[in-house]
Amino acid sequence: MAFNYEQSIWGRGEAGKRWSDPTSIRLRRALKALGHLPKHAKVLEVGCGAGQFIRAIHRFRPDLESFGCDISQAAIALAKKSADGVDYAVSTDALPYVDGAFDAVLIFDVLEHVAHPGLLLGEVGRVLKRGGLFFAFVPCEGDWLSLWHLLRFFHRFPSVCCDEEALQTHSIHLQ
């Protein structure tokens, strides 16, 4: 059974910069990477879910033109309801944008869920301007020294999946 992205919507709310927020490291690093972009630069988040990261980026950098896309129609419908100034679109295997449309493309916690990451990265290369910024965050959840493992060890965040069979049955999540 494949994971149902229409029933389980990712990216609700907004990423935060507070150190107690589990999104803070990713958001802070992304904002730093985007720091050199000029006003009106176009930024796309691929796999934005309901807009958690791109919404926060737009709040901290309202001078950027912000876009988000996701395969989940339900997530994009929810993101659009926020009226946050971000342009959201449903995507398929081909991103719904013209070649070279973006100054920066961001991916947070998505590549480990994609069956064919090379195809997605090819699409990122297609929509990214020559010399543009590609920023990706891929968690190392299977690594015993990762932040997520340490947080689970200290019971800060529960483990999402506890056995290999369930992992393979319910999603394509690389460890």
C-alpha atoms as a PDB file:
ATOM      1  CA  MET A   1       0.000   0.000   0.000  1.00  0.00           C
ATOM      2  CA  ALA A   2       1.470   3.354  -1.052  1.00  0.00           C
ATOM      3  CA  PHE A   3       1.404   6.395   1.179  1.00  0.00           C
ATOM      4  CA  ASN A   4      -1.671   8.542   0.569  1.00  0.00           C
ATOM      5  CA  TYR A   5      -0.560  12.178   0.310  1.00  0.00           C
ATOM      6  CA  GLU A   6      -4.183  13.333  -0.035  1.00  0.00           C
ATOM      7  CA  GLN A   7      -5.173  11.980   3.394  1.00  0.00           C
ATOM      8  CA  SER A   8      -2.035  12.890   5.327  1.00  0.00           C
ATOM      9  CA  ILE A   9      -1.211  16.515   4.625  1.00  0.00           C
ATOM     10  CA  TRP A  10       2.320  17.659   5.449  1.00  0.00           C
ATOM     11  CA  GLY A  11       3.451  21.211   6.084  1.00  0.00           C
ATOM     12  CA  ARG A  12       0.568  22.676   8.036  1.00  0.00           C
ATOM     13  CA  GLY A  13       1.233  25.847   9.977  1.00  0.00           C
ATOM     14  CA  GLU A  14       4.418  27.826   9.537  1.00  0.00           C
ATOM     15  CA  ALA A  15       8.060  26.988  10.132  1.00  0.00           C
ATOM     16  CA  GLY A  16       9.628  28.986  12.944  1.00  0.00           C
ATOM     17  CA  LYS A  17      13.016  30.397  13.917  1.00  0.00           C
ATOM     18  CA  ARG A  18      12.702  29.655  17.655  1.00  0.00           C
ATOM     19  CA  TRP A  19      15.377  27.148  18.652  1.00  0.00           C
ATOM     20  CA  SER A  20      12.692  25.005  20.299  1.00  0.00           C
ATOM     21  CA  ASP A  21      10.923  24.630  16.946  1.00  0.00           C
ATOM     22  CA  PRO A  22      12.003  21.471  15.064  1.00  0.00           C
ATOM     23  CA  THR A  23      11.875  23.440  11.803  1.00  0.00           C
ATOM     24  CA  SER A  24      14.220  26.197  12.968  1.00  0.00           C
ATOM     25  CA  ILE A  25      17.527  24.758  11.719  1.00  0.00           C
ATOM     26  CA  ARG A  26      16.155  24.151   8.227  1.00  0.00           C
ATOM     27  CA  LEU A  27      14.459  27.550   8.049  1.00  0.00           C
ATOM     28  CA  ARG A  28      17.481  29.470   9.353  1.00  0.00           C
ATOM     29  CA  ARG A  29      19.831  27.764   6.898  1.00  0.00           C
ATOM     30  CA  ALA A  30      17.480  28.353   3.985  1.00  0.00           C
ATOM     31  CA  LEU A  31      17.082  32.038   4.843  1.00  0.00           C
ATOM     32  CA  LYS A  32      20.858  32.379   5.075  1.00  0.00           C
ATOM     33  CA  ALA A  33      21.287  30.699   1.678  1.00  0.00           C
ATOM     34  CA  LEU A  34      18.653  33.014   0.175  1.00  0.00           C
ATOM     35  CA  GLY A  35      20.235  36.085   1.783  1.00  0.00           C
ATOM     36  CA  HIS A  36      22.118  37.150  -1.354  1.00  0.00           C
ATOM     37  CA  LEU A  37      19.059  37.082  -3.622  1.00  0.00           C
ATOM     38  CA  PRO A  38      17.924  40.490  -4.875  1.00  0.00           C
ATOM     39  CA  LYS A  39      14.422  41.889  -4.499  1.00  0.00           C
ATOM     40  CA  HIS A  40      11.819  40.236  -6.732  1.00  0.00           C
ATOM     41  CA  ALA A  41      13.904  37.087  -7.181  1.00  0.00           C
ATOM     42  CA  LYS A  42      11.686  34.046  -7.770  1.00  0.00           C
ATOM     43  CA  VAL A  43      11.892  31.220  -5.229  1.00  0.00           C
ATOM     44  CA  LEU A  44      10.169  27.831  -5.569  1.00  0.00           C
ATOM     45  CA  GLU A  45       9.687  25.180  -2.906  1.00  0.00           C
ATOM     46  CA  VAL A  46       9.126  21.748  -4.448  1.00  0.00           C
ATOM     47  CA  GLY A  47       7.071  19.427  -2.255  1.00  0.00           C
ATOM     48  CA  CYS A  48       5.760  22.277  -0.125  1.00  0.00           C
ATOM     49  CA  GLY A  49       2.769  20.381   1.255  1.00  0.00           C
ATOM     50  CA  ALA A  50       0.456  22.948   2.833  1.00  0.00           C
ATOM     51  CA  GLY A  51       3.197  25.606   2.658  1.00  0.00           C
ATOM     52  CA  GLN A  52       4.948  25.456   6.044  1.00  0.00           C
ATOM     53  CA  PHE A  53       8.424  26.497   4.834  1.00  0.00           C
ATOM     54  CA  ILE A  54       7.669  28.706   1.816  1.00  0.00           C
ATOM     55  CA  ARG A  55       5.095  30.602   3.888  1.00  0.00           C
ATOM     56  CA  ALA A  56       7.718  31.365   6.553  1.00  0.00           C
ATOM     57  CA  ILE A  57      10.309  32.293   3.931  1.00  0.00           C
ATOM     58  CA  HIS A  58       7.848  34.713   2.365  1.00  0.00           C
ATOM     59  CA  ARG A  59       7.107  36.233   5.783  1.00  0.00           C
ATOM     60  CA  PHE A  60      10.826  36.821   6.473  1.00  0.00           C
ATOM     61  CA  ARG A  61      11.627  37.808   2.851  1.00  0.00           C
ATOM     62  CA  PRO A  62       8.458  39.472   1.481  1.00  0.00           C
ATOM     63  CA  ASP A  63      10.602  41.087  -1.233  1.00  0.00           C
ATOM     64  CA  LEU A  64      10.914  37.681  -2.964  1.00  0.00           C
ATOM     65  CA  GLU A  65       8.323  36.211  -5.319  1.00  0.00           C
ATOM     66  CA  SER A  66       7.464  32.938  -3.596  1.00  0.00           C
ATOM     67  CA  PHE A  67       6.037  29.794  -5.188  1.00  0.00           C
ATOM     68  CA  GLY A  68       5.215  26.353  -3.849  1.00  0.00           C
ATOM     69  CA  CYS A  69       4.166  23.125  -5.529  1.00  0.00           C
ATOM     70  CA  ASP A  70       3.178  19.681  -4.315  1.00  0.00           C
ATOM     71  CA  ILE A  71       1.632  16.475  -5.664  1.00  0.00           C
ATOM     72  CA  SER A  72      -1.170  16.664  -3.095  1.00  0.00           C
ATOM     73  CA  GLN A  73      -4.232  18.532  -4.296  1.00  0.00           C
ATOM     74  CA  ALA A  74      -5.568  18.613  -0.726  1.00  0.00           C
ATOM     75  CA  ALA A  75      -2.350  20.173   0.603  1.00  0.00           C
ATOM     76  CA  ILE A  76      -2.283  22.826  -2.118  1.00  0.00           C
ATOM     77  CA  ALA A  77      -5.972  23.620  -1.537  1.00  0.00           C
ATOM     78  CA  LEU A  78      -5.209  24.108   2.172  1.00  0.00           C
ATOM     79  CA  ALA A  79      -2.135  26.235   1.395  1.00  0.00           C
ATOM     80  CA  LYS A  80      -4.154  28.492  -0.906  1.00  0.00           C
ATOM     81  CA  LYS A  81      -6.666  29.155   1.875  1.00  0.00           C
ATOM     82  CA  SER A  82      -3.963  30.882   3.932  1.00  0.00           C
ATOM     83  CA  ALA A  83      -3.819  33.831   1.483  1.00  0.00           C
ATOM     84  CA  ASP A  84      -0.165  34.298   2.431  1.00  0.00           C
ATOM     85  CA  GLY A  85       1.149  35.869  -0.791  1.00  0.00           C
ATOM     86  CA  VAL A  86       2.665  32.604  -2.055  1.00  0.00           C
ATOM     87  CA  ASP A  87       1.641  31.277  -5.481  1.00  0.00           C
ATOM     88  CA  TYR A  88       0.770  27.568  -5.046  1.00  0.00           C
ATOM     89  CA  ALA A  89       0.318  24.916  -7.749  1.00  0.00           C
ATOM     90  CA  VAL A  90      -0.290  21.181  -7.966  1.00  0.00           C
ATOM     91  CA  SER A  91       2.621  19.343  -9.593  1.00  0.00           C
ATOM     92  CA  THR A  92       3.113  16.000 -11.290  1.00  0.00           C
ATOM     93  CA  ASP A  93       6.320  14.340 -12.439  1.00  0.00           C
ATOM     94  CA  ALA A  94       6.916  17.465 -14.537  1.00  0.00           C
ATOM     95  CA  LEU A  95       6.996  20.702 -12.559  1.00  0.00           C
ATOM     96  CA  PRO A  96       4.337  23.143 -13.867  1.00  0.00           C
ATOM     97  CA  TYR A  97       6.796  25.925 -14.727  1.00  0.00           C
ATOM     98  CA  VAL A  98       8.786  27.056 -17.751  1.00  0.00           C
ATOM     99  CA  ASP A  99      12.496  26.413 -18.139  1.00  0.00           C
ATOM    100  CA  GLY A 100      14.738  28.763 -16.162  1.00  0.00           C
ATOM    101  CA  ALA A 101      11.858  30.385 -14.266  1.00  0.00           C
ATOM    102  CA  PHE A 102      13.442  30.472 -10.782  1.00  0.00           C
ATOM    103  CA  ASP A 103      16.417  32.110  -9.106  1.00  0.00           C
ATOM    104  CA  ALA A 104      16.263  29.524  -6.319  1.00  0.00           C
ATOM    105  CA  VAL A 105      14.627  26.141  -5.796  1.00  0.00           C
ATOM    106  CA  LEU A 106      14.195  24.660  -2.318  1.00  0.00           C
ATOM    107  CA  ILE A 107      13.391  21.098  -1.245  1.00  0.00           C
ATOM    108  CA  PHE A 108      12.788  20.195   2.408  1.00  0.00           C
ATOM    109  CA  ASP A 109      12.388  16.556   3.473  1.00  0.00           C
ATOM    110  CA  VAL A 110      11.149  15.383   0.055  1.00  0.00           C
ATOM    111  CA  LEU A 111      13.937  13.600  -1.829  1.00  0.00           C
ATOM    112  CA  GLU A 112      13.889  10.646   0.558  1.00  0.00           C
ATOM    113  CA  HIS A 113      10.213  10.058  -0.338  1.00  0.00           C
ATOM    114  CA  VAL A 114      10.568  10.156  -4.118  1.00  0.00           C
ATOM    115  CA  ALA A 115      10.755   6.866  -6.056  1.00  0.00           C
ATOM    116  CA  HIS A 116      13.037   8.383  -8.727  1.00  0.00           C
ATOM    117  CA  PRO A 117      14.977  11.313  -7.213  1.00  0.00           C
ATOM    118  CA  GLY A 118      17.044  11.733 -10.384  1.00  0.00           C
ATOM    119  CA  LEU A 119      13.929  12.646 -12.353  1.00  0.00           C
ATOM    120  CA  LEU A 120      12.913  15.232  -9.773  1.00  0.00           C
ATOM    121  CA  LEU A 121      16.411  16.701  -9.685  1.00  0.00           C
ATOM    122  CA  GLY A 122      16.326  16.916 -13.484  1.00  0.00           C
ATOM    123  CA  GLU A 123      13.122  18.936 -13.222  1.00  0.00           C
ATOM    124  CA  VAL A 124      14.743  21.181 -10.614  1.00  0.00           C
ATOM    125  CA  GLY A 125      17.628  21.781 -13.029  1.00  0.00           C
ATOM    126  CA  ARG A 126      15.169  22.566 -15.808  1.00  0.00           C
ATOM    127  CA  VAL A 127      13.213  25.260 -13.900  1.00  0.00           C
ATOM    128  CA  LEU A 128      16.284  26.764 -12.197  1.00  0.00           C
ATOM    129  CA  LYS A 129      17.992  29.692 -13.905  1.00  0.00           C
ATOM    130  CA  ARG A 130      21.579  29.156 -14.960  1.00  0.00           C
ATOM    131  CA  GLY A 131      23.699  29.978 -11.908  1.00  0.00           C
ATOM    132  CA  GLY A 132      20.648  29.764  -9.644  1.00  0.00           C
ATOM    133  CA  LEU A 133      20.583  28.420  -6.098  1.00  0.00           C
ATOM    134  CA  PHE A 134      19.452  24.874  -5.299  1.00  0.00           C
ATOM    135  CA  PHE A 135      18.943  24.265  -1.566  1.00  0.00           C
ATOM    136  CA  ALA A 136      17.903  20.818  -0.318  1.00  0.00           C
ATOM    137  CA  PHE A 137      17.508  19.344   3.121  1.00  0.00           C
ATOM    138  CA  VAL A 138      17.501  15.553   3.310  1.00  0.00           C
ATOM    139  CA  PRO A 139      17.274  14.117   6.824  1.00  0.00           C
ATOM    140  CA  CYS A 140      19.557  11.302   7.928  1.00  0.00           C
ATOM    141  CA  GLU A 141      16.919   9.638  10.080  1.00  0.00           C
ATOM    142  CA  GLY A 142      18.604   6.228   9.918  1.00  0.00           C
ATOM    143  CA  ASP A 143      21.899   7.607  11.246  1.00  0.00           C
ATOM    144  CA  TRP A 144      22.409   6.938  14.970  1.00  0.00           C
ATOM    145  CA  LEU A 145      24.250  10.260  15.292  1.00  0.00           C
ATOM    146  CA  SER A 146      21.520  12.334  13.647  1.00  0.00           C
ATOM    147  CA  LEU A 147      19.663  15.059  15.504  1.00  0.00           C
ATOM    148  CA  TRP A 148      16.377  13.190  14.987  1.00  0.00           C
ATOM    149  CA  HIS A 149      17.724  10.042  16.614  1.00  0.00           C
ATOM    150  CA  LEU A 150      19.002  12.021  19.598  1.00  0.00           C
ATOM    151  CA  LEU A 151      15.660  13.819  19.974  1.00  0.00           C
ATOM    152  CA  ARG A 152      13.824  10.473  19.847  1.00  0.00           C
ATOM    153  CA  PHE A 153      16.291   9.029  22.379  1.00  0.00           C
ATOM    154  CA  PHE A 154      15.443  11.821  24.802  1.00  0.00           C
ATOM    155  CA  HIS A 155      11.717  11.398  23.986  1.00  0.00           C
ATOM    156  CA  ARG A 156      11.427  14.876  22.430  1.00  0.00           C
ATOM    157  CA  PHE A 157       9.865  13.479  19.229  1.00  0.00           C
ATOM    158  CA  PRO A 158       8.365  10.004  18.847  1.00  0.00           C
ATOM    159  CA  SER A 159       9.603   7.663  16.172  1.00  0.00           C
ATOM    160  CA  VAL A 160       7.379   7.815  13.100  1.00  0.00           C
ATOM    161  CA  CYS A 161       7.971   4.238  12.038  1.00  0.00           C
ATOM    162  CA  CYS A 162       9.286   1.430  14.145  1.00  0.00           C
ATOM    163  CA  ASP A 163       9.721  -1.562  11.830  1.00  0.00           C
ATOM    164  CA  GLU A 164      11.084  -2.165   8.340  1.00  0.00           C
ATOM    165  CA  GLU A 165       7.958  -4.024   7.127  1.00  0.00           C
ATOM    166  CA  ALA A 166       5.688  -1.095   8.004  1.00  0.00           C
ATOM    167  CA  LEU A 167       8.172   1.270   6.385  1.00  0.00           C
ATOM    168  CA  GLN A 168       8.103  -0.647   3.105  1.00  0.00           C
ATOM    169  CA  THR A 169       4.342  -1.213   3.210  1.00  0.00           C
ATOM    170  CA  HIS A 170       3.211   2.351   3.855  1.00  0.00           C
ATOM    171  CA  SER A 171       5.684   4.616   2.071  1.00  0.00           C
ATOM    172  CA  ILE A 172       8.862   4.946   0.102  1.00  0.00           C
ATOM    173  CA  HIS A 173      10.998   6.558   2.763  1.00  0.00           C
ATOM    174  CA  LEU A 174      14.716   5.999   2.315  1.00  0.00           C
ATOM    175  CA  GLN A 175      16.821   5.636   5.420  1.00  0.00           C
END
